[in-house]
All heavy atoms as atom14 arrays in JSON, in Angstrom:
{
  "sequence": "LTFGSTNALASLRKRVMDASQDLSVRRTALESLLAAKDANLAPLLQQ",
  "atom14_mask": [
    [1, 1, 1, 1, 1, 1, 1, 1, 0, 0, 0, 0, 0, 0],
    [1, 1, 1, 1, 1, 1, 1, 0, 0, 0, 0, 0, 0, 0],
    [1, 1, 1, 1, 1, 1, 1, 1, 1, 1, 1, 0, 0, 0],
    [1, 1, 1, 1, 0, 0, 0, 0, 0, 0, 0, 0, 0, 0],
    [1, 1, 1, 1, 1, 1, 0, 0, 0, 0, 0, 0, 0, 0],
    [1, 1, 1, 1, 1, 1, 1, 0, 0, 0, 0, 0, 0, 0],
    [1, 1, 1, 1, 1, 1, 1, 1, 0, 0, 0, 0, 0, 0],
    [1, 1, 1, 1, 1, 0, 0, 0, 0, 0, 0, 0, 0, 0],
    [1, 1, 1, 1, 1, 1, 1, 1, 0, 0, 0, 0, 0, 0],
    [1, 1, 1, 1, 1, 0, 0, 0, 0, 0, 0, 0, 0, 0],
    [1, 1, 1, 1, 1, 1, 0, 0, 0, 0, 0, 0, 0, 0],
    [1, 1, 1, 1, 1, 1, 1, 1, 0, 0, 0, 0, 0, 0],
    [1, 1, 1, 1, 1, 1, 1, 1, 1, 1, 1, 0, 0, 0],
    [1, 1, 1, 1, 1, 1, 1, 1, 1, 0, 0, 0, 0, 0],
    [1, 1, 1, 1, 1, 1, 1, 1, 1, 1, 1, 0, 0, 0],
    [1, 1, 1, 1, 1, 1, 1, 0, 0, 0, 0, 0, 0, 0],
    [1, 1, 1, 1, 1, 1, 1, 1, 0, 0, 0, 0, 0, 0],
    [1, 1, 1, 1, 1, 1, 1, 1, 0, 0, 0, 0, 0, 0],
    [1, 1, 1, 1, 1, 0, 0, 0, 0, 0, 0, 0, 0, 0],
    [1, 1, 1, 1, 1, 1, 0, 0, 0, 0, 0, 0, 0, 0],
    [1, 1, 1, 1, 1, 1, 1, 1, 1, 0, 0, 0, 0, 0],
    [1, 1, 1, 1, 1, 1, 1, 1, 0, 0, 0, 0, 0, 0],
    [1, 1, 1, 1, 1, 1, 1, 1, 0, 0, 0, 0, 0, 0],
    [1, 1, 1, 1, 1, 1, 0, 0, 0, 0, 0, 0, 0, 0],
    [1, 1, 1, 1, 1, 1, 1, 0, 0, 0, 0, 0, 0, 0],
    [1, 1, 1, 1, 1, 1, 1, 1, 1, 1, 1, 0, 0, 0],
    [1, 1, 1, 1, 1, 1, 1, 1, 1, 1, 1, 0, 0, 0],
    [1, 1, 1, 1, 1, 1, 1, 0, 0, 0, 0, 0, 0, 0],
    [1, 1, 1, 1, 1, 0, 0, 0, 0, 0, 0, 0, 0, 0],
    [1, 1, 1, 1, 1, 1, 1, 1, 0, 0, 0, 0, 0, 0],
    [1, 1, 1, 1, 1, 1, 1, 1, 1, 0, 0, 0, 0, 0],
    [1, 1, 1, 1, 1, 1, 0, 0, 0, 0, 0, 0, 0, 0],
    [1, 1, 1, 1, 1, 1, 1, 1, 0, 0, 0, 0, 0, 0],
    [1, 1, 1, 1, 1, 1, 1, 1, 0, 0, 0, 0, 0, 0],
    [1, 1, 1, 1, 1, 0, 0, 0, 0, 0, 0, 0, 0, 0],
    [1, 1, 1, 1, 1, 0, 0, 0, 0, 0, 0, 0, 0, 0],
    [1, 1, 1, 1, 1, 1, 1, 1, 1, 0, 0, 0, 0, 0],
    [1, 1, 1, 1, 1, 1, 1, 1, 0, 0, 0, 0, 0, 0],
    [1, 1, 1, 1, 1, 0, 0, 0, 0, 0, 0, 0, 0, 0],
    [1, 1, 1, 1, 1, 1, 1, 1, 0, 0, 0, 0, 0, 0],
    [1, 1, 1, 1, 1, 1, 1, 1, 0, 0, 0, 0, 0, 0],
    [1, 1, 1, 1, 1, 0, 0, 0, 0, 0, 0, 0, 0, 0],
    [1, 1, 1, 1, 1, 1, 1, 0, 0, 0, 0, 0, 0, 0],
    [1, 1, 1, 1, 1, 1, 1, 1, 0, 0, 0, 0, 0, 0],
    [1, 1, 1, 1, 1, 1, 1, 1, 0, 0, 0, 0, 0, 0],
    [1, 1, 1, 1, 1, 1, 1, 1, 1, 0, 0, 0, 0, 0],
    [1, 1, 1, 1, 1, 1, 1, 1, 1, 0, 0, 0, 0, 0]
  ],
  "atom14_positions": [
    [[-117.31, 73.48, 188.85], [-117.38, 72.56, 187.67], [-118.42, 71.49, 187.94], [-119.21, 71.14, 187.06], [-115.97, 71.93, 187.54], [-115.7, 71.16, 186.24], [-115.88, 72.02, 185.04], [-114.29, 70.61, 186.29], [0.0, 0.0, 0.0], [0.0, 0.0, 0.0], [0.0, 0.0, 0.0], [0.0, 0.0, 0.0], [0.0, 0.0, 0.0], [0.0, 0.0, 0.0]],
    [[-118.45, 70.92, 189.16], [-119.45, 69.9, 189.53], [-120.85, 70.52, 189.4], [-121.81, 69.83, 189.04], [-119.19, 69.37, 190.94], [-117.89, 68.89, 191.01], [-120.18, 68.29, 191.29], [0.0, 0.0, 0.0], [0.0, 0.0, 0.0], [0.0, 0.0, 0.0], [0.0, 0.0, 0.0], [0.0, 0.0, 0.0], [0.0, 0.0, 0.0], [0.0, 0.0, 0.0]],
    [[-120.91, 71.8, 189.75], [-122.25, 72.42, 189.71], [-122.6, 72.97, 188.3], [-123.56, 73.75, 188.12], [-122.28, 73.62, 190.72], [-122.2, 73.21, 192.14], [-121.46, 73.93, 193.05], [-122.81, 72.04, 192.59], [-121.32, 73.54, 194.39], [-122.71, 71.63, 193.89], [-121.99, 72.38, 194.82], [0.0, 0.0, 0.0], [0.0, 0.0, 0.0], [0.0, 0.0, 0.0]],
    [[-121.78, 72.65, 187.31], [-122.11, 72.98, 185.92], [-121.67, 74.34, 185.41], [-122.2, 74.83, 184.41], [0.0, 0.0, 0.0], [0.0, 0.0, 0.0], [0.0, 0.0, 0.0], [0.0, 0.0, 0.0], [0.0, 0.0, 0.0], [0.0, 0.0, 0.0], [0.0, 0.0, 0.0], [0.0, 0.0, 0.0], [0.0, 0.0, 0.0], [0.0, 0.0, 0.0]],
    [[-120.69, 74.94, 186.04], [-120.28, 76.28, 185.65], [-119.32, 76.16, 184.44], [-118.25, 75.57, 184.48], [-119.52, 76.97, 186.82], [-118.87, 78.15, 186.36], [0.0, 0.0, 0.0], [0.0, 0.0, 0.0], [0.0, 0.0, 0.0], [0.0, 0.0, 0.0], [0.0, 0.0, 0.0], [0.0, 0.0, 0.0], [0.0, 0.0, 0.0], [0.0, 0.0, 0.0]],
    [[-119.69, 76.83, 183.32], [-118.82, 76.84, 182.14], [-117.6, 77.77, 182.37], [-116.54, 77.5, 181.75], [-119.62, 77.34, 180.91], [-120.2, 78.62, 181.23], [-120.69, 76.35, 180.55], [0.0, 0.0, 0.0], [0.0, 0.0, 0.0], [0.0, 0.0, 0.0], [0.0, 0.0, 0.0], [0.0, 0.0, 0.0], [0.0, 0.0, 0.0], [0.0, 0.0, 0.0]],
    [[-117.78, 78.78, 183.17], [-116.63, 79.67, 183.5], [-115.52, 78.85, 184.19], [-114.33, 79.05, 183.92], [-117.03, 80.84, 184.35], [-117.93, 81.81, 183.6], [-117.85, 81.89, 182.38], [-118.72, 82.6, 184.35], [0.0, 0.0, 0.0], [0.0, 0.0, 0.0], [0.0, 0.0, 0.0], [0.0, 0.0, 0.0], [0.0, 0.0, 0.0], [0.0, 0.0, 0.0]],
    [[-115.94, 78.02, 185.15], [-114.94, 77.22, 185.87], [-114.21, 76.26, 184.97], [-113.03, 76.04, 185.08], [-115.64, 76.43, 187.02], [0.0, 0.0, 0.0], [0.0, 0.0, 0.0], [0.0, 0.0, 0.0], [0.0, 0.0, 0.0], [0.0, 0.0, 0.0], [0.0, 0.0, 0.0], [0.0, 0.0, 0.0], [0.0, 0.0, 0.0], [0.0, 0.0, 0.0]],
    [[-114.96, 75.68, 184.04], [-114.34, 74.73, 183.08], [-113.22, 75.38, 182.3], [-112.12, 74.89, 182.16], [-115.41, 74.19, 182.13], [-114.99, 73.12, 181.16], [-114.53, 71.88, 181.82], [-116.15, 72.78, 180.19], [0.0, 0.0, 0.0], [0.0, 0.0, 0.0], [0.0, 0.0, 0.0], [0.0, 0.0, 0.0], [0.0, 0.0, 0.0], [0.0, 0.0, 0.0]],
    [[-113.54, 76.57, 181.72], [-112.55, 77.3, 180.93], [-111.35, 77.74, 181.76], [-110.17, 77.59, 181.37], [-113.18, 78.5, 180.29], [0.0, 0.0, 0.0], [0.0, 0.0, 0.0], [0.0, 0.0, 0.0], [0.0, 0.0, 0.0], [0.0, 0.0, 0.0], [0.0, 0.0, 0.0], [0.0, 0.0, 0.0], [0.0, 0.0, 0.0], [0.0, 0.0, 0.0]],
    [[-111.61, 78.18, 183.01], [-110.56, 78.66, 183.86], [-109.62, 77.55, 184.34], [-108.38, 77.72, 184.33], [-111.17, 79.34, 185.14], [-110.16, 79.79, 185.98], [0.0, 0.0, 0.0], [0.0, 0.0, 0.0], [0.0, 0.0, 0.0], [0.0, 0.0, 0.0], [0.0, 0.0, 0.0], [0.0, 0.0, 0.0], [0.0, 0.0, 0.0], [0.0, 0.0, 0.0]],
    [[-110.18, 76.39, 184.64], [-109.39, 75.28, 185.05], [-108.52, 74.72, 183.93], [-107.34, 74.37, 184.17], [-110.24, 74.1, 185.62], [-110.87, 74.38, 186.99], [-111.96, 73.38, 187.32], [-109.79, 74.37, 188.07], [0.0, 0.0, 0.0], [0.0, 0.0, 0.0], [0.0, 0.0, 0.0], [0.0, 0.0, 0.0], [0.0, 0.0, 0.0], [0.0, 0.0, 0.0]],
    [[-109.06, 74.69, 182.72], [-108.24, 74.22, 181.6], [-107.07, 75.15, 181.39], [-105.96, 74.76, 181.15], [-109.1, 74.22, 180.29], [-110.1, 73.06, 180.18], [-110.86, 73.24, 178.88], [-111.9, 72.27, 178.78], [-112.94, 72.43, 177.92], [-113.04, 73.49, 177.16], [-113.87, 71.5, 177.86], [0.0, 0.0, 0.0], [0.0, 0.0, 0.0], [0.0, 0.0, 0.0]],
    [[-107.33, 76.46, 181.45], [-106.28, 77.47, 181.24], [-105.19, 77.31, 182.34], [-103.98, 77.38, 182.06], [-106.88, 78.84, 181.31], [-105.88, 79.99, 181.07], [-106.55, 81.33, 181.06], [-105.58, 82.45, 180.89], [-106.25, 83.81, 180.9], [0.0, 0.0, 0.0], [0.0, 0.0, 0.0], [0.0, 0.0, 0.0], [0.0, 0.0, 0.0], [0.0, 0.0, 0.0]],
    [[-105.63, 77.08, 183.58], [-104.71, 76.98, 184.69], [-103.82, 75.72, 184.53], [-102.57, 75.75, 184.85], [-105.48, 76.91, 186.03], [-104.62, 77.26, 187.27], [-105.49, 77.23, 188.48], [-106.56, 78.22, 188.43], [-106.39, 79.53, 188.74], [-105.23, 79.98, 189.13], [-107.4, 80.35, 188.66], [0.0, 0.0, 0.0], [0.0, 0.0, 0.0], [0.0, 0.0, 0.0]],
    [[-104.4, 74.6, 184.1], [-103.65, 73.4, 183.91], [-102.5, 73.57, 182.93], [-101.38, 73.1, 183.09], [-104.56, 72.23, 183.47], [-103.74, 71.03, 182.94], [-105.38, 71.74, 184.64], [0.0, 0.0, 0.0], [0.0, 0.0, 0.0], [0.0, 0.0, 0.0], [0.0, 0.0, 0.0], [0.0, 0.0, 0.0], [0.0, 0.0, 0.0], [0.0, 0.0, 0.0]],
    [[-102.77, 74.3, 181.84], [-101.82, 74.44, 180.74], [-100.82, 75.58, 180.95], [-99.88, 75.76, 180.16], [-102.53, 74.59, 179.46], [-103.52, 73.47, 179.11], [-102.83, 71.82, 179.22], [-101.61, 71.9, 177.85], [0.0, 0.0, 0.0], [0.0, 0.0, 0.0], [0.0, 0.0, 0.0], [0.0, 0.0, 0.0], [0.0, 0.0, 0.0], [0.0, 0.0, 0.0]],
    [[-101.01, 76.37, 182.04], [-100.16, 77.48, 182.32], [-98.96, 77.07, 183.15], [-99.01, 76.87, 184.35], [-100.92, 78.55, 183.03], [-100.13, 79.85, 183.23], [-98.94, 79.9, 182.9], [-100.71, 80.84, 183.8], [0.0, 0.0, 0.0], [0.0, 0.0, 0.0], [0.0, 0.0, 0.0], [0.0, 0.0, 0.0], [0.0, 0.0, 0.0], [0.0, 0.0, 0.0]],
    [[-97.8, 76.89, 182.49], [-96.6, 76.42, 183.17], [-96.07, 77.36, 184.2], [-95.23, 76.98, 185.04], [-95.5, 76.07, 182.12], [0.0, 0.0, 0.0], [0.0, 0.0, 0.0], [0.0, 0.0, 0.0], [0.0, 0.0, 0.0], [0.0, 0.0, 0.0], [0.0, 0.0, 0.0], [0.0, 0.0, 0.0], [0.0, 0.0, 0.0], [0.0, 0.0, 0.0]],
    [[-96.51, 78.61, 184.18], [-96.02, 79.61, 185.16], [-96.73, 79.46, 186.5], [-96.28, 80.07, 187.51], [-96.22, 81.03, 184.62], [-97.6, 81.35, 184.48], [0.0, 0.0, 0.0], [0.0, 0.0, 0.0], [0.0, 0.0, 0.0], [0.0, 0.0, 0.0], [0.0, 0.0, 0.0], [0.0, 0.0, 0.0], [0.0, 0.0, 0.0], [0.0, 0.0, 0.0]],
    [[-97.84, 78.74, 186.51], [-98.57, 78.55, 187.76], [-97.86, 77.59, 188.69], [-97.09, 76.74, 188.26], [-99.97, 78.0, 187.47], [-100.88, 78.95, 186.72], [-101.5, 79.97, 187.64], [-101.7, 79.76, 188.79], [-101.88, 81.12, 187.08], [0.0, 0.0, 0.0], [0.0, 0.0, 0.0], [0.0, 0.0, 0.0], [0.0, 0.0, 0.0], [0.0, 0.0, 0.0]],
    [[-98.17, 77.68, 189.97], [-97.58, 76.76, 190.95], [-98.0, 75.34, 190.61], [-99.18, 75.08, 190.26], [-98.08, 77.07, 192.38], [-97.45, 76.19, 193.44], [-96.36, 76.57, 193.89], [-98.05, 75.23, 193.81], [0.0, 0.0, 0.0], [0.0, 0.0, 0.0], [0.0, 0.0, 0.0], [0.0, 0.0, 0.0], [0.0, 0.0, 0.0], [0.0, 0.0, 0.0]],
    [[-97.11, 74.37, 190.7], [-97.37, 72.97, 190.28], [-98.51, 72.36, 191.04], [-99.35, 71.64, 190.48], [-96.11, 72.13, 190.39], [-96.21, 70.68, 189.89], [-96.67, 70.63, 188.43], [-94.88, 69.95, 190.08], [0.0, 0.0, 0.0], [0.0, 0.0, 0.0], [0.0, 0.0, 0.0], [0.0, 0.0, 0.0], [0.0, 0.0, 0.0], [0.0, 0.0, 0.0]],
    [[-98.58, 72.6, 192.38], [-99.66, 72.0, 193.18], [-101.02, 72.54, 192.76], [-101.99, 71.76, 192.75], [-99.42, 72.29, 194.68], [-99.49, 73.7, 194.97], [0.0, 0.0, 0.0], [0.0, 0.0, 0.0], [0.0, 0.0, 0.0], [0.0, 0.0, 0.0], [0.0, 0.0, 0.0], [0.0, 0.0, 0.0], [0.0, 0.0, 0.0], [0.0, 0.0, 0.0]],
    [[-101.08, 73.73, 192.37], [-102.32, 74.37, 191.87], [-102.74, 73.74, 190.57], [-103.92, 73.43, 190.31], [-102.22, 75.89, 191.72], [-103.44, 76.49, 191.01], [-102.03, 76.57, 193.08], [0.0, 0.0, 0.0], [0.0, 0.0, 0.0], [0.0, 0.0, 0.0], [0.0, 0.0, 0.0], [0.0, 0.0, 0.0], [0.0, 0.0, 0.0], [0.0, 0.0, 0.0]],
    [[-101.75, 73.54, 189.69], [-102.05, 72.89, 188.38], [-102.53, 71.43, 188.57], [-103.43, 71.0, 187.9], [-100.8, 72.91, 187.49], [-100.36, 74.32, 187.08], [-99.1, 74.28, 186.25], [-99.33, 73.69, 184.96], [-98.39, 73.05, 184.24], [-97.16, 72.88, 184.78], [-98.67, 72.54, 183.07], [0.0, 0.0, 0.0], [0.0, 0.0, 0.0], [0.0, 0.0, 0.0]],
    [[-101.92, 70.75, 189.53], [-102.3, 69.38, 189.81], [-103.73, 69.32, 190.3], [-104.52, 68.45, 189.91], [-101.36, 68.74, 190.81], [-100.03, 68.28, 190.24], [-99.14, 67.74, 191.31], [-97.87, 67.25, 190.72], [-96.76, 67.16, 191.43], [-96.73, 67.51, 192.71], [-95.65, 66.69, 190.86], [0.0, 0.0, 0.0], [0.0, 0.0, 0.0], [0.0, 0.0, 0.0]],
    [[-104.1, 70.21, 191.22], [-105.46, 70.23, 191.77], [-106.45, 70.55, 190.66], [-107.53, 69.94, 190.57], [-105.56, 71.3, 192.84], [-104.65, 71.0, 193.91], [-106.95, 71.33, 193.47], [0.0, 0.0, 0.0], [0.0, 0.0, 0.0], [0.0, 0.0, 0.0], [0.0, 0.0, 0.0], [0.0, 0.0, 0.0], [0.0, 0.0, 0.0], [0.0, 0.0, 0.0]],
    [[-106.1, 71.46, 189.79], [-106.95, 71.82, 188.65], [-107.16, 70.61, 187.71], [-108.3, 70.3, 187.31], [-106.39, 72.97, 187.86], [0.0, 0.0, 0.0], [0.0, 0.0, 0.0], [0.0, 0.0, 0.0], [0.0, 0.0, 0.0], [0.0, 0.0, 0.0], [0.0, 0.0, 0.0], [0.0, 0.0, 0.0], [0.0, 0.0, 0.0], [0.0, 0.0, 0.0]],
    [[-106.08, 69.87, 187.47], [-106.2, 68.67, 186.6], [-107.04, 67.62, 187.25], [-107.84, 66.95, 186.6], [-104.78, 68.17, 186.3], [-104.7, 66.9, 185.39], [-105.42, 67.18, 184.06], [-103.22, 66.57, 185.16], [0.0, 0.0, 0.0], [0.0, 0.0, 0.0], [0.0, 0.0, 0.0], [0.0, 0.0, 0.0], [0.0, 0.0, 0.0], [0.0, 0.0, 0.0]],
    [[-106.85, 67.39, 188.54], [-107.68, 66.43, 189.26], [-109.12, 66.75, 189.14], [-110.01, 65.84, 189.02], [-107.26, 66.34, 190.75], [-105.9, 65.69, 190.97], [-105.36, 65.9, 192.36], [-106.13, 66.49, 193.2], [-104.22, 65.49, 192.67], [0.0, 0.0, 0.0], [0.0, 0.0, 0.0], [0.0, 0.0, 0.0], [0.0, 0.0, 0.0], [0.0, 0.0, 0.0]],
    [[-109.44, 68.05, 189.24], [-110.86, 68.45, 189.13], [-111.42, 68.16, 187.76], [-112.55, 67.74, 187.62], [-110.93, 69.97, 189.45], [-110.45, 70.21, 190.73], [0.0, 0.0, 0.0], [0.0, 0.0, 0.0], [0.0, 0.0, 0.0], [0.0, 0.0, 0.0], [0.0, 0.0, 0.0], [0.0, 0.0, 0.0], [0.0, 0.0, 0.0], [0.0, 0.0, 0.0]],
    [[-110.65, 68.46, 186.74], [-111.13, 68.19, 185.37], [-111.31, 66.72, 185.11], [-112.25, 66.27, 184.45], [-110.15, 68.78, 184.32], [-110.07, 70.34, 184.29], [-108.9, 70.84, 183.49], [-111.39, 70.9, 183.73], [0.0, 0.0, 0.0], [0.0, 0.0, 0.0], [0.0, 0.0, 0.0], [0.0, 0.0, 0.0], [0.0, 0.0, 0.0], [0.0, 0.0, 0.0]],
    [[-110.38, 65.89, 185.65], [-110.5, 64.45, 185.53], [-111.72, 63.93, 186.3], [-112.46, 63.06, 185.81], [-109.23, 63.76, 186.02], [-108.01, 63.93, 185.1], [-106.73, 63.48, 185.84], [-108.18, 63.15, 183.82], [0.0, 0.0, 0.0], [0.0, 0.0, 0.0], [0.0, 0.0, 0.0], [0.0, 0.0, 0.0], [0.0, 0.0, 0.0], [0.0, 0.0, 0.0]],
    [[-111.97, 64.49, 187.5], [-113.1, 64.02, 188.31], [-114.4, 64.38, 187.59], [-115.38, 63.59, 187.68], [-113.06, 64.7, 189.69], [0.0, 0.0, 0.0], [0.0, 0.0, 0.0], [0.0, 0.0, 0.0], [0.0, 0.0, 0.0], [0.0, 0.0, 0.0], [0.0, 0.0, 0.0], [0.0, 0.0, 0.0], [0.0, 0.0, 0.0], [0.0, 0.0, 0.0]],
    [[-114.46, 65.48, 186.9], [-115.69, 65.9, 186.16], [-115.78, 65.2, 184.82], [-116.76, 65.34, 184.13], [-115.67, 67.42, 186.02], [0.0, 0.0, 0.0], [0.0, 0.0, 0.0], [0.0, 0.0, 0.0], [0.0, 0.0, 0.0], [0.0, 0.0, 0.0], [0.0, 0.0, 0.0], [0.0, 0.0, 0.0], [0.0, 0.0, 0.0], [0.0, 0.0, 0.0]],
    [[-114.69, 64.52, 184.42], [-114.59, 63.88, 183.08], [-114.89, 64.87, 181.99], [-115.78, 64.66, 181.14], [-115.48, 62.66, 183.02], [-114.94, 61.64, 181.9], [-115.61, 60.32, 181.93], [-114.94, 59.38, 180.91], [-115.58, 58.1, 180.89], [0.0, 0.0, 0.0], [0.0, 0.0, 0.0], [0.0, 0.0, 0.0], [0.0, 0.0, 0.0], [0.0, 0.0, 0.0]],
    [[-114.14, 65.96, 181.98], [-114.21, 66.96, 180.93], [-114.09, 66.28, 179.54], [-113.08, 65.65, 179.26], [-113.11, 67.95, 181.11], [-113.0, 69.0, 179.99], [-113.95, 69.06, 179.15], [-112.02, 69.71, 179.94], [0.0, 0.0, 0.0], [0.0, 0.0, 0.0], [0.0, 0.0, 0.0], [0.0, 0.0, 0.0], [0.0, 0.0, 0.0], [0.0, 0.0, 0.0]],
    [[-115.11, 66.38, 178.69], [-115.18, 65.67, 177.47], [-114.05, 65.99, 176.5], [-113.7, 65.21, 175.63], [-116.52, 65.88, 176.79], [0.0, 0.0, 0.0], [0.0, 0.0, 0.0], [0.0, 0.0, 0.0], [0.0, 0.0, 0.0], [0.0, 0.0, 0.0], [0.0, 0.0, 0.0], [0.0, 0.0, 0.0], [0.0, 0.0, 0.0], [0.0, 0.0, 0.0]],
    [[-113.49, 67.2, 176.62], [-112.47, 67.69, 175.71], [-111.08, 67.68, 176.31], [-110.18, 68.37, 175.84], [-112.81, 69.09, 175.23], [-114.13, 69.18, 174.5], [-114.39, 68.37, 173.57], [-114.98, 70.05, 174.86], [0.0, 0.0, 0.0], [0.0, 0.0, 0.0], [0.0, 0.0, 0.0], [0.0, 0.0, 0.0], [0.0, 0.0, 0.0], [0.0, 0.0, 0.0]],
    [[-110.87, 66.84, 177.33], [-109.62, 66.87, 178.07], [-108.51, 66.07, 177.4], [-107.33, 66.36, 177.57], [-109.86, 66.41, 179.47], [-108.71, 66.63, 180.51], [-108.36, 68.09, 180.6], [-109.03, 66.06, 181.84], [0.0, 0.0, 0.0], [0.0, 0.0, 0.0], [0.0, 0.0, 0.0], [0.0, 0.0, 0.0], [0.0, 0.0, 0.0], [0.0, 0.0, 0.0]],
    [[-108.85, 65.0, 176.63], [-107.83, 64.09, 176.15], [-106.69, 64.79, 175.33], [-105.53, 64.52, 175.58], [-108.49, 63.02, 175.23], [0.0, 0.0, 0.0], [0.0, 0.0, 0.0], [0.0, 0.0, 0.0], [0.0, 0.0, 0.0], [0.0, 0.0, 0.0], [0.0, 0.0, 0.0], [0.0, 0.0, 0.0], [0.0, 0.0, 0.0], [0.0, 0.0, 0.0]],
    [[-106.99, 65.73, 174.43], [-105.9, 66.43, 173.69], [-104.97, 67.21, 174.64], [-103.76, 67.25, 174.42], [-106.64, 67.38, 172.75], [-107.98, 66.74, 172.55], [-108.31, 66.16, 173.87], [0.0, 0.0, 0.0], [0.0, 0.0, 0.0], [0.0, 0.0, 0.0], [0.0, 0.0, 0.0], [0.0, 0.0, 0.0], [0.0, 0.0, 0.0], [0.0, 0.0, 0.0]],
    [[-105.53, 67.77, 175.7], [-104.73, 68.52, 176.68], [-103.87, 67.54, 177.44], [-102.64, 67.84, 177.68], [-105.55, 69.35, 177.68], [-106.46, 70.41, 177.05], [-107.18, 71.2, 178.19], [-105.66, 71.34, 176.18], [0.0, 0.0, 0.0], [0.0, 0.0, 0.0], [0.0, 0.0, 0.0], [0.0, 0.0, 0.0], [0.0, 0.0, 0.0], [0.0, 0.0, 0.0]],
    [[-104.37, 66.4, 177.81], [-103.59, 65.39, 178.52], [-102.39, 64.89, 177.62], [-101.32, 64.65, 178.11], [-104.45, 64.19, 178.94], [-105.52, 64.46, 179.99], [-106.45, 63.23, 180.16], [-104.92, 64.85, 181.29], [0.0, 0.0, 0.0], [0.0, 0.0, 0.0], [0.0, 0.0, 0.0], [0.0, 0.0, 0.0], [0.0, 0.0, 0.0], [0.0, 0.0, 0.0]],
    [[-102.68, 64.74, 176.37], [-101.64, 64.3, 175.42], [-100.52, 65.36, 175.34], [-99.33, 65.01, 175.3], [-102.24, 64.08, 174.06], [-103.13, 62.81, 174.04], [-104.06, 62.79, 172.81], [-104.02, 63.6, 171.92], [-104.97, 61.83, 172.81], [0.0, 0.0, 0.0], [0.0, 0.0, 0.0], [0.0, 0.0, 0.0], [0.0, 0.0, 0.0], [0.0, 0.0, 0.0]],
    [[-100.9, 66.64, 175.38], [-99.86, 67.67, 175.45], [-99.02, 67.63, 176.7], [-97.85, 67.88, 176.71], [-100.53, 69.06, 175.31], [-101.16, 69.39, 174.0], [-101.77, 70.81, 173.96], [-101.13, 71.74, 174.34], [-102.99, 70.85, 173.49], [0.0, 0.0, 0.0], [0.0, 0.0, 0.0], [0.0, 0.0, 0.0], [0.0, 0.0, 0.0], [0.0, 0.0, 0.0]]
  ]
}
């Protein structure tokens, strides 16, 4: 994501919203999206 990969962006968003995933993995994915300041993250955070 830091290196500009669009595939990583989509994958991390999907992982964050997938409640079946391990919580620690979802947290790490969310931290990554926040660190990159994903421009479309606010609606997901509200969910």
